[in-house]
PDB file of N, CA and C in Angstrom:
ATOM      1  N   MET A   1      -0.400  -4.005  15.973  1.00  0.00           N
ATOM      2  CA  MET A   1      -1.265  -4.024  14.897  1.00  0.00           C
ATOM      3  C   MET A   1      -0.527  -3.692  13.516  1.00  0.00           C
ATOM      4  N   ILE A   2      -0.875  -4.382  12.521  1.00  0.00           N
ATOM      5  CA  ILE A   2      -0.261  -4.083  11.219  1.00  0.00           C
ATOM      6  C   ILE A   2      -1.215  -3.283  10.412  1.00  0.00           C
ATOM      7  N   LYS A   3      -0.741  -2.259   9.795  1.00  0.00           N
ATOM      8  CA  LYS A   3      -1.586  -1.206   9.171  1.00  0.00           C
ATOM      9  C   LYS A   3      -1.245  -1.221   7.724  1.00  0.00           C
ATOM     10  N   GLN A   4      -2.115  -1.375   6.698  1.00  0.00           N
ATOM     11  CA  GLN A   4      -1.771  -1.132   5.422  1.00  0.00           C
ATOM     12  C   GLN A   4      -2.266   0.241   4.960  1.00  0.00           C
ATOM     13  N   CYS A   5      -1.572   0.920   4.033  1.00  0.00           N
ATOM     14  CA  CYS A   5      -1.976   2.237   3.712  1.00  0.00           C
ATOM     15  C   CYS A   5      -1.653   2.494   2.268  1.00  0.00           C
ATOM     16  N   ALA A   6      -2.483   3.364   1.702  1.00  0.00           N
ATOM     17  CA  ALA A   6      -2.156   3.887   0.397  1.00  0.00           C
ATOM     18  C   ALA A   6      -1.267   4.963   0.475  1.00  0.00           C
ATOM     19  N   SER A   7      -0.444   5.171  -0.528  1.00  0.00           N
ATOM     20  CA  SER A   7       0.862   6.118  -0.588  1.00  0.00           C
ATOM     21  C   SER A   7       0.237   7.559  -0.210  1.00  0.00           C
ATOM     22  N   SER A   8      -0.932   7.706  -0.565  1.00  0.00           N
ATOM     23  CA  SER A   8      -1.470   9.143  -0.354  1.00  0.00           C
ATOM     24  C   SER A   8      -1.796   9.400   1.043  1.00  0.00           C
ATOM     25  N   GLU A   9      -2.073   8.301   1.819  1.00  0.00           N
ATOM     26  CA  GLU A   9      -2.518   8.442   3.218  1.00  0.00           C
ATOM     27  C   GLU A   9      -1.427   8.899   4.212  1.00  0.00           C
ATOM     28  N   VAL A  10      -0.271   8.229   3.903  1.00  0.00           N
ATOM     29  CA  VAL A  10       0.862   8.430   4.855  1.00  0.00           C
ATOM     30  C   VAL A  10       2.107   8.708   4.103  1.00  0.00           C
ATOM     31  N   LYS A  11       3.014   9.672   4.510  1.00  0.00           N
ATOM     32  CA  LYS A  11       4.215   9.844   3.703  1.00  0.00           C
ATOM     33  C   LYS A  11       5.166   8.828   4.350  1.00  0.00           C
ATOM     34  N   ILE A  12       5.762   7.957   3.541  1.00  0.00           N
ATOM     35  CA  ILE A  12       6.756   6.959   3.878  1.00  0.00           C
ATOM     36  C   ILE A  12       7.983   7.238   3.160  1.00  0.00           C
ATOM     37  N   SER A  13       9.130   7.341   3.894  1.00  0.00           N
ATOM     38  CA  SER A  13      10.432   7.530   3.257  1.00  0.00           C
ATOM     39  C   SER A  13      10.902   6.193   2.672  1.00  0.00           C
ATOM     40  N   SER A  14      11.326   6.349   1.379  1.00  0.00           N
ATOM     41  CA  SER A  14      11.906   5.086   0.706  1.00  0.00           C
ATOM     42  C   SER A  14      13.054   4.547   1.442  1.00  0.00           C
ATOM     43  N   SER A  15      13.833   5.389   2.168  1.00  0.00           N
ATOM     44  CA  SER A  15      14.877   4.816   2.908  1.00  0.00           C
ATOM     45  C   SER A  15      14.558   3.948   4.085  1.00  0.00           C
ATOM     46  N   ASP A  16      13.224   3.933   4.417  1.00  0.00           N
ATOM     47  CA  ASP A  16      12.680   3.110   5.389  1.00  0.00           C
ATOM     48  C   ASP A  16      11.899   1.817   4.830  1.00  0.00           C
ATOM     49  N   LEU A  17      12.004   1.642   3.522  1.00  0.00           N
ATOM     50  CA  LEU A  17      11.197   0.630   2.989  1.00  0.00           C
ATOM     51  C   LEU A  17      12.082  -0.671   2.594  1.00  0.00           C
ATOM     52  N   TYR A  18      11.490  -1.760   2.819  1.00  0.00           N
ATOM     53  CA  TYR A  18      12.204  -3.072   2.640  1.00  0.00           C
ATOM     54  C   TYR A  18      11.327  -3.889   1.758  1.00  0.00           C
ATOM     55  N   LEU A  19      11.923  -4.606   0.770  1.00  0.00           N
ATOM     56  CA  LEU A  19      11.168  -5.571  -0.086  1.00  0.00           C
ATOM     57  C   LEU A  19      11.327  -6.950   0.678  1.00  0.00           C
ATOM     58  N   VAL A  20      10.302  -7.518   1.100  1.00  0.00           N
ATOM     59  CA  VAL A  20      10.370  -8.741   1.858  1.00  0.00           C
ATOM     60  C   VAL A  20       9.578  -9.838   1.126  1.00  0.00           C
ATOM     61  N   SER A  21      10.133 -10.970   1.040  1.00  0.00           N
ATOM     62  CA  SER A  21       9.390 -12.124   0.483  1.00  0.00           C
ATOM     63  C   SER A  21       9.723 -13.328   1.449  1.00  0.00           C
ATOM     64  N   GLY A  22       8.664 -14.160   1.412  1.00  0.00           N
ATOM     65  CA  GLY A  22       8.696 -15.411   2.349  1.00  0.00           C
ATOM     66  C   GLY A  22       7.422 -16.091   2.429  1.00  0.00           C
ATOM     67  N   ARG A  23       7.322 -17.182   3.293  1.00  0.00           N
ATOM     68  CA  ARG A  23       6.131 -17.911   3.165  1.00  0.00           C
ATOM     69  C   ARG A  23       6.092 -18.730   4.646  1.00  0.00           C
ATOM     70  N   VAL A  24       4.784 -19.141   4.852  1.00  0.00           N
ATOM     71  CA  VAL A  24       4.497 -20.157   5.891  1.00  0.00           C
ATOM     72  C   VAL A  24       4.795 -21.409   5.159  1.00  0.00           C
ATOM     73  N   CYS A  25       5.308 -22.434   5.902  1.00  0.00           N
ATOM     74  CA  CYS A  25       5.529 -23.732   5.485  1.00  0.00           C
ATOM     75  C   CYS A  25       4.384 -24.260   4.590  1.00  0.00           C
ATOM     76  N   ASP A  26       4.701 -24.777   3.452  1.00  0.00           N
ATOM     77  CA  ASP A  26       3.651 -25.422   2.485  1.00  0.00           C
ATOM     78  C   ASP A  26       2.692 -24.504   1.902  1.00  0.00           C
ATOM     79  N   CYS A  27       2.898 -23.155   2.083  1.00  0.00           N
ATOM     80  CA  CYS A  27       1.993 -22.106   1.473  1.00  0.00           C
ATOM     81  C   CYS A  27       2.854 -21.389   0.337  1.00  0.00           C
ATOM     82  N   GLU A  28       2.258 -20.621  -0.376  1.00  0.00           N
ATOM     83  CA  GLU A  28       2.783 -19.781  -1.571  1.00  0.00           C
ATOM     84  C   GLU A  28       3.628 -18.649  -0.921  1.00  0.00           C
ATOM     85  N   ASN A  29       4.686 -18.296  -1.659  1.00  0.00           N
ATOM     86  CA  ASN A  29       5.428 -16.980  -1.373  1.00  0.00           C
ATOM     87  C   ASN A  29       4.668 -15.802  -1.412  1.00  0.00           C
ATOM     88  N   GLU A  30       4.890 -14.955  -0.549  1.00  0.00           N
ATOM     89  CA  GLU A  30       4.217 -13.635  -0.517  1.00  0.00           C
ATOM     90  C   GLU A  30       5.380 -12.479  -0.689  1.00  0.00           C
ATOM     91  N   PHE A  31       5.008 -11.416  -1.194  1.00  0.00           N
ATOM     92  CA  PHE A  31       5.873 -10.292  -1.393  1.00  0.00           C
ATOM     93  C   PHE A  31       5.259  -9.102  -0.756  1.00  0.00           C
ATOM     94  N   GLN A  32       5.992  -8.145  -0.116  1.00  0.00           N
ATOM     95  CA  GLN A  32       5.358  -7.039   0.552  1.00  0.00           C
ATOM     96  C   GLN A  32       6.430  -5.910   0.712  1.00  0.00           C
ATOM     97  N   LEU A  33       6.117  -4.733   0.427  1.00  0.00           N
ATOM     98  CA  LEU A  33       6.988  -3.535   0.861  1.00  0.00           C
ATOM     99  C   LEU A  33       6.616  -3.399   2.294  1.00  0.00           C
ATOM    100  N   VAL A  34       7.671  -3.288   3.107  1.00  0.00           N
ATOM    101  CA  VAL A  34       7.476  -3.086   4.618  1.00  0.00           C
ATOM    102  C   VAL A  34       8.158  -1.720   4.947  1.00  0.00           C
ATOM    103  N   SER A  35       7.537  -0.923   5.721  1.00  0.00           N
ATOM    104  CA  SER A  35       8.181   0.220   6.329  1.00  0.00           C
ATOM    105  C   SER A  35       8.719  -0.187   7.696  1.00  0.00           C
ATOM    106  N   ALA A  36       9.986  -0.129   7.959  1.00  0.00           N
ATOM    107  CA  ALA A  36      10.597  -0.450   9.108  1.00  0.00           C
ATOM    108  C   ALA A  36      11.997   0.315   9.285  1.00  0.00           C
ATOM    109  N   ASN A  37      12.450   0.144  10.627  1.00  0.00           N
ATOM    110  CA  ASN A  37      13.755   0.761  10.970  1.00  0.00           C
ATOM    111  C   ASN A  37      14.925  -0.067  10.726  1.00  0.00           C
ATOM    112  N   SER A  38      14.703  -1.418  10.584  1.00  0.00           N
ATOM    113  CA  SER A  38      15.731  -2.360  10.351  1.00  0.00           C
ATOM    114  C   SER A  38      15.207  -3.533   9.578  1.00  0.00           C
ATOM    115  N   ALA A  39      16.180  -4.364   9.008  1.00  0.00           N
ATOM    116  CA  ALA A  39      15.767  -5.628   8.279  1.00  0.00           C
ATOM    117  C   ALA A  39      15.082  -6.570   9.304  1.00  0.00           C
ATOM    118  N   GLU A  40      15.534  -6.569  10.454  1.00  0.00           N
ATOM    119  CA  GLU A  40      14.924  -7.497  11.435  1.00  0.00           C
ATOM    120  C   GLU A  40      13.562  -7.166  11.726  1.00  0.00           C
ATOM    121  N   GLU A  41      13.346  -5.839  11.962  1.00  0.00           N
ATOM    122  CA  GLU A  41      11.880  -5.287  12.175  1.00  0.00           C
ATOM    123  C   GLU A  41      10.974  -5.666  11.001  1.00  0.00           C
ATOM    124  N   ALA A  42      11.562  -5.388   9.696  1.00  0.00           N
ATOM    125  CA  ALA A  42      10.863  -5.593   8.524  1.00  0.00           C
ATOM    126  C   ALA A  42      10.378  -7.035   8.500  1.00  0.00           C
ATOM    127  N   GLU A  43      11.330  -8.015   8.792  1.00  0.00           N
ATOM    128  CA  GLU A  43      10.976  -9.506   8.706  1.00  0.00           C
ATOM    129  C   GLU A  43       9.927  -9.798   9.803  1.00  0.00           C
ATOM    130  N   ASP A  44       9.897  -9.211  10.976  1.00  0.00           N
ATOM    131  CA  ASP A  44       8.955  -9.463  11.991  1.00  0.00           C
ATOM    132  C   ASP A  44       7.643  -8.990  11.577  1.00  0.00           C
ATOM    133  N   ILE A  45       7.521  -7.778  11.008  1.00  0.00           N
ATOM    134  CA  ILE A  45       6.278  -7.208  10.694  1.00  0.00           C
ATOM    135  C   ILE A  45       5.687  -7.997   9.503  1.00  0.00           C
ATOM    136  N   PHE A  46       6.534  -8.430   8.543  1.00  0.00           N
ATOM    137  CA  PHE A  46       6.093  -9.310   7.498  1.00  0.00           C
ATOM    138  C   PHE A  46       5.560 -10.634   7.818  1.00  0.00           C
ATOM    139  N   GLU A  47       6.272 -11.396   8.786  1.00  0.00           N
ATOM    140  CA  GLU A  47       5.912 -12.588   9.325  1.00  0.00           C
ATOM    141  C   GLU A  47       4.490 -12.511   9.935  1.00  0.00           C
ATOM    142  N   LYS A  48       4.318 -11.445  10.776  1.00  0.00           N
ATOM    143  CA  LYS A  48       3.047 -11.234  11.449  1.00  0.00           C
ATOM    144  C   LYS A  48       1.924 -11.066  10.431  1.00  0.00           C
ATOM    145  N   TYR A  49       2.205 -10.196   9.479  1.00  0.00           N
ATOM    146  CA  TYR A  49       1.120  -9.967   8.468  1.00  0.00           C
ATOM    147  C   TYR A  49       0.769 -11.207   7.646  1.00  0.00           C
ATOM    148  N   VAL A  50       1.734 -12.041   7.213  1.00  0.00           N
ATOM    149  CA  VAL A  50       1.530 -13.173   6.379  1.00  0.00           C
ATOM    150  C   VAL A  50       0.727 -14.190   7.207  1.00  0.00           C
ATOM    151  N   ARG A  51       1.172 -14.445   8.474  1.00  0.00           N
ATOM    152  CA  ARG A  51       0.422 -15.352   9.310  1.00  0.00           C
ATOM    153  C   ARG A  51      -0.938 -15.021   9.489  1.00  0.00           C
ATOM    154  N   MET A  52      -1.218 -13.649   9.640  1.00  0.00           N
ATOM    155  CA  MET A  52      -2.512 -13.274   9.872  1.00  0.00           C
ATOM    156  C   MET A  52      -3.452 -13.367   8.581  1.00  0.00           C
ATOM    157  N   GLN A  53      -2.703 -13.212   7.385  1.00  0.00           N
ATOM    158  CA  GLN A  53      -3.528 -13.424   6.199  1.00  0.00           C
ATOM    159  C   GLN A  53      -3.849 -14.870   6.005  1.00  0.00           C
ATOM    160  N   VAL A  54      -3.027 -15.750   6.243  1.00  0.00           N
ATOM    161  CA  VAL A  54      -3.255 -17.212   5.916  1.00  0.00           C
ATOM    162  C   VAL A  54      -3.812 -17.966   7.200  1.00  0.00           C
ATOM    163  N   ASN A  55      -3.986 -17.166   8.346  1.00  0.00           N
ATOM    164  CA  ASN A  55      -4.517 -17.653   9.553  1.00  0.00           C
ATOM    165  C   ASN A  55      -3.857 -18.970  10.092  1.00  0.00           C
ATOM    166  N   ILE A  56      -2.494 -18.903  10.162  1.00  0.00           N
ATOM    167  CA  ILE A  56      -1.733 -20.144  10.597  1.00  0.00           C
ATOM    168  C   ILE A  56      -0.740 -19.558  11.562  1.00  0.00           C
ATOM    169  N   GLU A  57      -0.638 -20.202  12.780  1.00  0.00           N
ATOM    170  CA  GLU A  57       0.189 -19.766  13.765  1.00  0.00           C
ATOM    171  C   GLU A  57       1.369 -20.583  14.014  1.00  0.00           C
ATOM    172  N   GLY A  58       1.277 -21.914  14.065  1.00  0.00           N
ATOM    173  CA  GLY A  58       2.339 -22.743  14.586  1.00  0.00           C
ATOM    174  C   GLY A  58       3.445 -23.258  13.542  1.00  0.00           C
ATOM    175  N   SER A  59       3.185 -23.160  12.256  1.00  0.00           N
ATOM    176  CA  SER A  59       4.037 -23.713  11.251  1.00  0.00           C
ATOM    177  C   SER A  59       5.181 -22.940  11.107  1.00  0.00           C
ATOM    178  N   ASP A  60       6.289 -23.518  10.512  1.00  0.00           N
ATOM    179  CA  ASP A  60       7.547 -22.899  10.235  1.00  0.00           C
ATOM    180  C   ASP A  60       7.374 -21.790   9.286  1.00  0.00           C
ATOM    181  N   PHE A  61       8.240 -20.670   9.402  1.00  0.00           N
ATOM    182  CA  PHE A  61       8.100 -19.592   8.511  1.00  0.00           C
ATOM    183  C   PHE A  61       9.483 -19.372   7.900  1.00  0.00           C
ATOM    184  N   TYR A  62       9.611 -19.056   6.647  1.00  0.00           N
ATOM    185  CA  TYR A  62      10.715 -18.842   5.931  1.00  0.00           C
ATOM    186  C   TYR A  62      10.757 -17.477   5.294  1.00  0.00           C
ATOM    187  N   ILE A  63      11.852 -16.673   5.584  1.00  0.00           N
ATOM    188  CA  ILE A  63      12.107 -15.453   4.828  1.00  0.00           C
ATOM    189  C   ILE A  63      12.974 -15.813   3.676  1.00  0.00           C
ATOM    190  N   GLU A  64      12.640 -15.512   2.414  1.00  0.00           N
ATOM    191  CA  GLU A  64      13.469 -15.733   1.307  1.00  0.00           C
ATOM    192  C   GLU A  64      14.254 -14.574   0.861  1.00  0.00           C
ATOM    193  N   HIS A  65      13.688 -13.383   1.087  1.00  0.00           N
ATOM    194  CA  HIS A  65      14.501 -12.142   0.688  1.00  0.00           C
ATOM    195  C   HIS A  65      14.045 -11.027   1.644  1.00  0.00           C
ATOM    196  N   CYS A  66      14.927 -10.175   1.986  1.00  0.00           N
ATOM    197  CA  CYS A  66      14.675  -8.929   2.686  1.00  0.00           C
ATOM    198  C   CYS A  66      15.700  -7.967   2.311  1.00  0.00           C
ATOM    199  N   GLN A  67      15.524  -6.843   1.514  1.00  0.00           N
ATOM    200  CA  GLN A  67      16.493  -5.923   1.157  1.00  0.00           C
ATOM    201  C   GLN A  67      15.833  -4.525   1.171  1.00  0.00           C
ATOM    202  N   LYS A  68      16.651  -3.631   1.648  1.00  0.00           N
ATOM    203  CA  LYS A  68      16.269  -2.183   1.654  1.00  0.00           C
ATOM    204  C   LYS A  68      16.129  -1.665   0.282  1.00  0.00           C
ATOM    205  N   ILE A  69      14.992  -1.024   0.021  1.00  0.00           N
ATOM    206  CA  ILE A  69      14.680  -0.490  -1.337  1.00  0.00           C
ATOM    207  C   ILE A  69      15.753   0.410  -1.769  1.00  0.00           C
ATOM    208  N   SER A  70      16.335   1.267  -0.968  1.00  0.00           N
ATOM    209  CA  SER A  70      17.348   2.330  -1.291  1.00  0.00           C
ATOM    210  C   SER A  70      18.673   1.614  -1.652  1.00  0.00           C
ATOM    211  N   ASP A  71      18.911   0.326  -1.300  1.00  0.00           N
ATOM    212  CA  ASP A  71      20.103  -0.367  -1.691  1.00  0.00           C
ATOM    213  C   ASP A  71      19.923  -1.059  -2.976  1.00  0.00           C
ATOM    214  N   MET A  72      18.713  -1.121  -3.475  1.00  0.00           N
ATOM    215  CA  MET A  72      18.515  -1.978  -4.679  1.00  0.00           C
ATOM    216  C   MET A  72      19.137  -1.382  -5.961  1.00  0.00           C
ATOM    217  N   HIS A  73      19.478  -0.194  -5.980  1.00  0.00           N
ATOM    218  CA  HIS A  73      19.997   0.305  -7.249  1.00  0.00           C
ATOM    219  C   HIS A  73      21.314  -0.386  -7.653  1.00  0.00           C
ATOM    220  N   ARG A  74      21.921  -0.906  -6.732  1.00  0.00           N
ATOM    221  CA  ARG A  74      23.212  -1.680  -7.076  1.00  0.00           C
ATOM    222  C   ARG A  74      22.944  -2.948  -7.698  1.00  0.00           C
ATOM    223  N   ASN A  75      21.677  -3.505  -7.641  1.00  0.00           N
ATOM    224  CA  ASN A  75      21.348  -4.728  -8.271  1.00  0.00           C
ATOM    225  C   ASN A  75      20.502  -4.649  -9.592  1.00  0.00           C
ATOM    226  N   VAL A  76      20.571  -3.555 -10.265  1.00  0.00           N
ATOM    227  CA  VAL A  76      19.779  -3.320 -11.505  1.00  0.00           C
ATOM    228  C   VAL A  76      20.337  -4.024 -12.669  1.00  0.00           C
ATOM    229  N   LEU A  77      19.498  -4.754 -13.350  1.00  0.00           N
ATOM    230  CA  LEU A  77      19.961  -5.430 -14.632  1.00  0.00           C
ATOM    231  C   LEU A  77      19.501  -4.492 -15.708  1.00  0.00           C
ATOM    232  N   THR A  78      20.425  -4.426 -16.689  1.00  0.00           N
ATOM    233  CA  THR A  78      20.142  -3.529 -17.832  1.00  0.00           C
ATOM    234  C   THR A  78      20.417  -4.450 -19.056  1.00  0.00           C
ATOM    235  N   LYS A  79      19.774  -3.934 -20.190  1.00  0.00           N
ATOM    236  CA  LYS A  79      19.972  -4.621 -21.454  1.00  0.00           C
ATOM    237  C   LYS A  79      21.316  -4.265 -21.976  1.00  0.00           C
ATOM    238  N   SER A  80      22.043  -5.361 -22.524  1.00  0.00           N
ATOM    239  CA  SER A  80      23.300  -5.177 -23.063  1.00  0.00           C
ATOM    240  C   SER A  80      23.238  -4.392 -24.409  1.00  0.00           C
ATOM    241  N   GLN A  81      24.145  -3.537 -24.726  1.00  0.00           N
ATOM    242  CA  GLN A  81      24.149  -2.771 -25.926  1.00  0.00           C
ATOM    243  C   GLN A  81      24.876  -3.490 -26.985  1.00  0.00           C
TER     244      GLN A  81
END
């Protein structure tokens, strides 16, 4: 079962959060923060969630991006001085 929660309901460590984007074939990209122990687990949770939302089982599924939030500080763009 996939559970959505507000941040006040459950304490989630940012070290366990992944930003995942992807789509079912011929559908729009979706973005979600996913709490997981690994990138593989985050992708699996994300795919199940998206398929449930669009109610499609058999089509191809594409993960476009999966990155741990705690690693994202290395990819920050800033305004040049």
